[in-house]
N, C-alpha and C. Protein backbone atom coordinates (compact mmCIF):
# COMPACT_ATOMS: atom_id res chain seq x y z
N MET A 1 12.02 7.27 12.44
CA MET A 1 11.86 5.83 12.53
C MET A 1 11.10 5.37 11.29
N GLY A 2 11.53 4.27 10.70
CA GLY A 2 10.89 3.72 9.51
C GLY A 2 9.85 2.67 9.88
N PHE A 3 9.10 2.28 8.88
CA PHE A 3 8.08 1.25 9.04
C PHE A 3 8.13 0.36 7.81
N ALA A 4 8.06 -0.92 8.00
CA ALA A 4 8.05 -1.85 6.87
C ALA A 4 6.97 -2.90 7.12
N ALA A 5 6.26 -3.25 6.05
CA ALA A 5 5.22 -4.27 6.15
C ALA A 5 5.25 -5.13 4.90
N ALA A 6 4.95 -6.42 5.06
CA ALA A 6 4.87 -7.33 3.92
C ALA A 6 3.64 -8.21 4.10
N PHE A 7 2.86 -8.36 3.04
CA PHE A 7 1.65 -9.15 3.08
C PHE A 7 1.57 -10.03 1.85
N GLY A 8 0.96 -11.19 1.98
CA GLY A 8 0.71 -12.07 0.85
C GLY A 8 -0.78 -12.25 0.67
N VAL A 9 -1.25 -12.12 -0.58
CA VAL A 9 -2.68 -12.23 -0.87
C VAL A 9 -2.88 -12.97 -2.19
N PRO A 10 -4.03 -13.63 -2.38
CA PRO A 10 -4.32 -14.25 -3.68
C PRO A 10 -4.80 -13.21 -4.69
N THR A 11 -4.67 -13.52 -5.98
CA THR A 11 -5.16 -12.62 -7.01
C THR A 11 -6.64 -12.31 -6.78
N GLY A 12 -7.04 -11.11 -7.17
CA GLY A 12 -8.42 -10.68 -6.99
C GLY A 12 -8.70 -10.02 -5.65
N THR A 13 -7.71 -9.98 -4.78
CA THR A 13 -7.90 -9.38 -3.46
C THR A 13 -7.91 -7.86 -3.54
N ASN A 14 -8.85 -7.26 -2.85
CA ASN A 14 -8.91 -5.81 -2.72
C ASN A 14 -8.26 -5.45 -1.39
N VAL A 15 -7.09 -4.83 -1.44
CA VAL A 15 -6.36 -4.45 -0.22
C VAL A 15 -6.78 -3.03 0.15
N ILE A 16 -7.08 -2.83 1.43
CA ILE A 16 -7.49 -1.52 1.92
C ILE A 16 -6.48 -1.04 2.95
N TRP A 17 -5.95 0.15 2.72
CA TRP A 17 -5.08 0.82 3.68
C TRP A 17 -5.92 1.87 4.40
N GLU A 18 -5.79 1.94 5.72
CA GLU A 18 -6.48 2.97 6.50
C GLU A 18 -5.45 3.68 7.36
N ASN A 19 -5.41 4.99 7.26
CA ASN A 19 -4.49 5.76 8.08
C ASN A 19 -5.06 5.86 9.49
N GLN A 20 -4.35 5.28 10.45
CA GLN A 20 -4.77 5.32 11.84
C GLN A 20 -3.83 6.21 12.66
N ASP A 21 -3.19 7.14 11.97
CA ASP A 21 -2.20 8.02 12.56
C ASP A 21 -2.68 9.45 12.43
N GLY A 22 -2.25 10.33 13.29
CA GLY A 22 -2.60 11.74 13.22
C GLY A 22 -1.86 12.48 12.12
N GLU A 23 -0.85 11.85 11.52
CA GLU A 23 -0.08 12.43 10.43
C GLU A 23 -0.65 11.96 9.09
N PRO A 24 -0.60 12.79 8.04
CA PRO A 24 -1.03 12.32 6.72
C PRO A 24 -0.02 11.33 6.14
N HIS A 25 -0.51 10.40 5.32
CA HIS A 25 0.34 9.40 4.66
C HIS A 25 -0.19 9.16 3.25
N THR A 26 0.67 8.61 2.40
CA THR A 26 0.27 8.20 1.06
C THR A 26 0.64 6.74 0.86
N VAL A 27 0.06 6.13 -0.17
CA VAL A 27 0.39 4.77 -0.59
C VAL A 27 0.76 4.87 -2.07
N ILE A 28 2.05 4.76 -2.37
CA ILE A 28 2.54 4.99 -3.73
C ILE A 28 3.31 3.75 -4.20
N SER A 29 2.84 3.12 -5.26
CA SER A 29 3.52 1.98 -5.86
C SER A 29 4.82 2.45 -6.51
N LEU A 30 5.90 1.70 -6.31
CA LEU A 30 7.18 2.06 -6.91
C LEU A 30 7.17 1.86 -8.42
N THR A 31 6.23 1.06 -8.94
CA THR A 31 6.15 0.81 -10.38
C THR A 31 4.98 1.55 -11.04
N GLY A 32 4.28 2.39 -10.31
CA GLY A 32 3.19 3.17 -10.87
C GLY A 32 1.87 2.44 -10.98
N ASP A 33 1.73 1.28 -10.33
CA ASP A 33 0.49 0.51 -10.42
C ASP A 33 -0.66 1.13 -9.63
N PHE A 34 -0.37 1.84 -8.56
CA PHE A 34 -1.41 2.50 -7.77
C PHE A 34 -0.80 3.69 -7.04
N ARG A 35 -1.67 4.64 -6.69
CA ARG A 35 -1.20 5.87 -6.04
C ARG A 35 -2.38 6.50 -5.31
N SER A 36 -2.22 6.70 -4.02
CA SER A 36 -3.26 7.39 -3.26
C SER A 36 -2.94 8.87 -3.18
N GLN A 37 -3.93 9.63 -2.83
CA GLN A 37 -3.71 11.01 -2.43
C GLN A 37 -3.29 10.98 -0.97
N ALA A 38 -2.96 12.11 -0.39
CA ALA A 38 -2.63 12.15 1.04
C ALA A 38 -3.85 11.71 1.84
N LEU A 39 -3.63 10.77 2.73
CA LEU A 39 -4.70 10.23 3.57
C LEU A 39 -4.59 10.83 4.96
N ASP A 40 -5.63 11.53 5.38
CA ASP A 40 -5.68 12.02 6.74
C ASP A 40 -6.15 10.88 7.66
N GLU A 41 -6.14 11.12 8.94
CA GLU A 41 -6.54 10.09 9.90
C GLU A 41 -7.92 9.54 9.56
N LYS A 42 -8.04 8.23 9.52
CA LYS A 42 -9.25 7.46 9.22
C LYS A 42 -9.63 7.44 7.74
N ASP A 43 -8.86 8.13 6.89
CA ASP A 43 -9.09 8.02 5.45
C ASP A 43 -8.61 6.66 4.97
N ARG A 44 -9.23 6.18 3.88
CA ARG A 44 -8.88 4.87 3.32
C ARG A 44 -8.53 4.98 1.85
N PHE A 45 -7.71 4.01 1.41
CA PHE A 45 -7.37 3.85 0.00
C PHE A 45 -7.39 2.36 -0.28
N SER A 46 -7.92 1.96 -1.44
CA SER A 46 -7.94 0.54 -1.77
C SER A 46 -7.45 0.32 -3.19
N HIS A 47 -6.95 -0.89 -3.42
CA HIS A 47 -6.50 -1.30 -4.75
C HIS A 47 -6.73 -2.80 -4.88
N GLN A 48 -7.29 -3.21 -6.02
CA GLN A 48 -7.50 -4.63 -6.28
C GLN A 48 -6.32 -5.18 -7.07
N PHE A 49 -5.75 -6.27 -6.58
CA PHE A 49 -4.58 -6.90 -7.20
C PHE A 49 -5.04 -8.09 -8.04
N ASP A 50 -5.03 -7.92 -9.37
CA ASP A 50 -5.52 -8.95 -10.28
C ASP A 50 -4.43 -9.80 -10.89
N LYS A 51 -3.18 -9.36 -10.80
CA LYS A 51 -2.07 -10.08 -11.42
C LYS A 51 -1.06 -10.51 -10.36
N PRO A 52 -0.56 -11.76 -10.44
CA PRO A 52 0.47 -12.18 -9.51
C PRO A 52 1.72 -11.31 -9.65
N GLY A 53 2.42 -11.15 -8.56
CA GLY A 53 3.66 -10.38 -8.58
C GLY A 53 3.97 -9.81 -7.22
N THR A 54 5.07 -9.08 -7.16
CA THR A 54 5.48 -8.42 -5.93
C THR A 54 5.34 -6.93 -6.16
N TYR A 55 4.57 -6.27 -5.31
CA TYR A 55 4.27 -4.86 -5.45
C TYR A 55 4.82 -4.11 -4.23
N LYS A 56 5.83 -3.29 -4.47
CA LYS A 56 6.43 -2.50 -3.39
C LYS A 56 5.83 -1.11 -3.41
N TYR A 57 5.66 -0.54 -2.20
CA TYR A 57 5.08 0.79 -2.10
C TYR A 57 5.74 1.57 -0.97
N ILE A 58 5.58 2.89 -1.02
CA ILE A 58 6.12 3.77 0.01
C ILE A 58 5.08 4.83 0.37
N CYS A 59 5.34 5.52 1.45
CA CYS A 59 4.64 6.77 1.78
C CYS A 59 5.54 7.89 1.25
N SER A 60 5.05 8.67 0.30
CA SER A 60 5.89 9.72 -0.28
C SER A 60 6.19 10.84 0.71
N ILE A 61 5.38 10.97 1.74
CA ILE A 61 5.61 11.98 2.77
C ILE A 61 6.68 11.50 3.74
N HIS A 62 6.70 10.19 4.00
CA HIS A 62 7.67 9.58 4.92
C HIS A 62 8.33 8.41 4.20
N PRO A 63 9.33 8.66 3.34
CA PRO A 63 9.89 7.62 2.46
C PRO A 63 10.51 6.42 3.17
N LYS A 64 10.73 6.50 4.48
CA LYS A 64 11.24 5.33 5.20
C LYS A 64 10.11 4.35 5.53
N MET A 65 8.88 4.77 5.30
CA MET A 65 7.73 3.88 5.49
C MET A 65 7.51 3.14 4.19
N VAL A 66 7.76 1.84 4.19
CA VAL A 66 7.69 1.02 2.98
C VAL A 66 6.87 -0.23 3.25
N GLY A 67 6.38 -0.82 2.17
CA GLY A 67 5.64 -2.07 2.30
C GLY A 67 5.72 -2.87 1.02
N THR A 68 5.33 -4.13 1.14
CA THR A 68 5.33 -5.05 -0.01
C THR A 68 4.08 -5.90 0.04
N ILE A 69 3.41 -5.99 -1.10
CA ILE A 69 2.28 -6.92 -1.26
C ILE A 69 2.74 -8.00 -2.24
N LYS A 70 2.69 -9.25 -1.80
CA LYS A 70 3.01 -10.38 -2.68
C LYS A 70 1.70 -11.03 -3.10
N VAL A 71 1.44 -11.01 -4.41
CA VAL A 71 0.19 -11.53 -4.94
C VAL A 71 0.48 -12.86 -5.63
N VAL A 72 -0.25 -13.90 -5.23
CA VAL A 72 -0.07 -15.24 -5.81
C VAL A 72 -1.37 -15.67 -6.48
N ALA A 73 -1.24 -16.47 -7.55
CA ALA A 73 -2.42 -16.97 -8.26
C ALA A 73 -3.25 -17.83 -7.33
N LYS A 74 -4.56 -17.74 -7.47
CA LYS A 74 -5.47 -18.56 -6.65
C LYS A 74 -5.29 -20.02 -6.98
């Protein structure tokens, strides 16, 4: 089963991902803007988005898990 998420945030936002699953996951930008290591349960990864744009990411362990962050100017 896949997972998809989309969020909109203003520039300067620090987005935090927290793994709340018993399986490890990663947060990998498709354009190379950010990359987490494998996150075990309750581990966190954060990235600050300073430029407007659309940032797509996946879990490299579970490639059907995808997400999008849409960053808009303040």
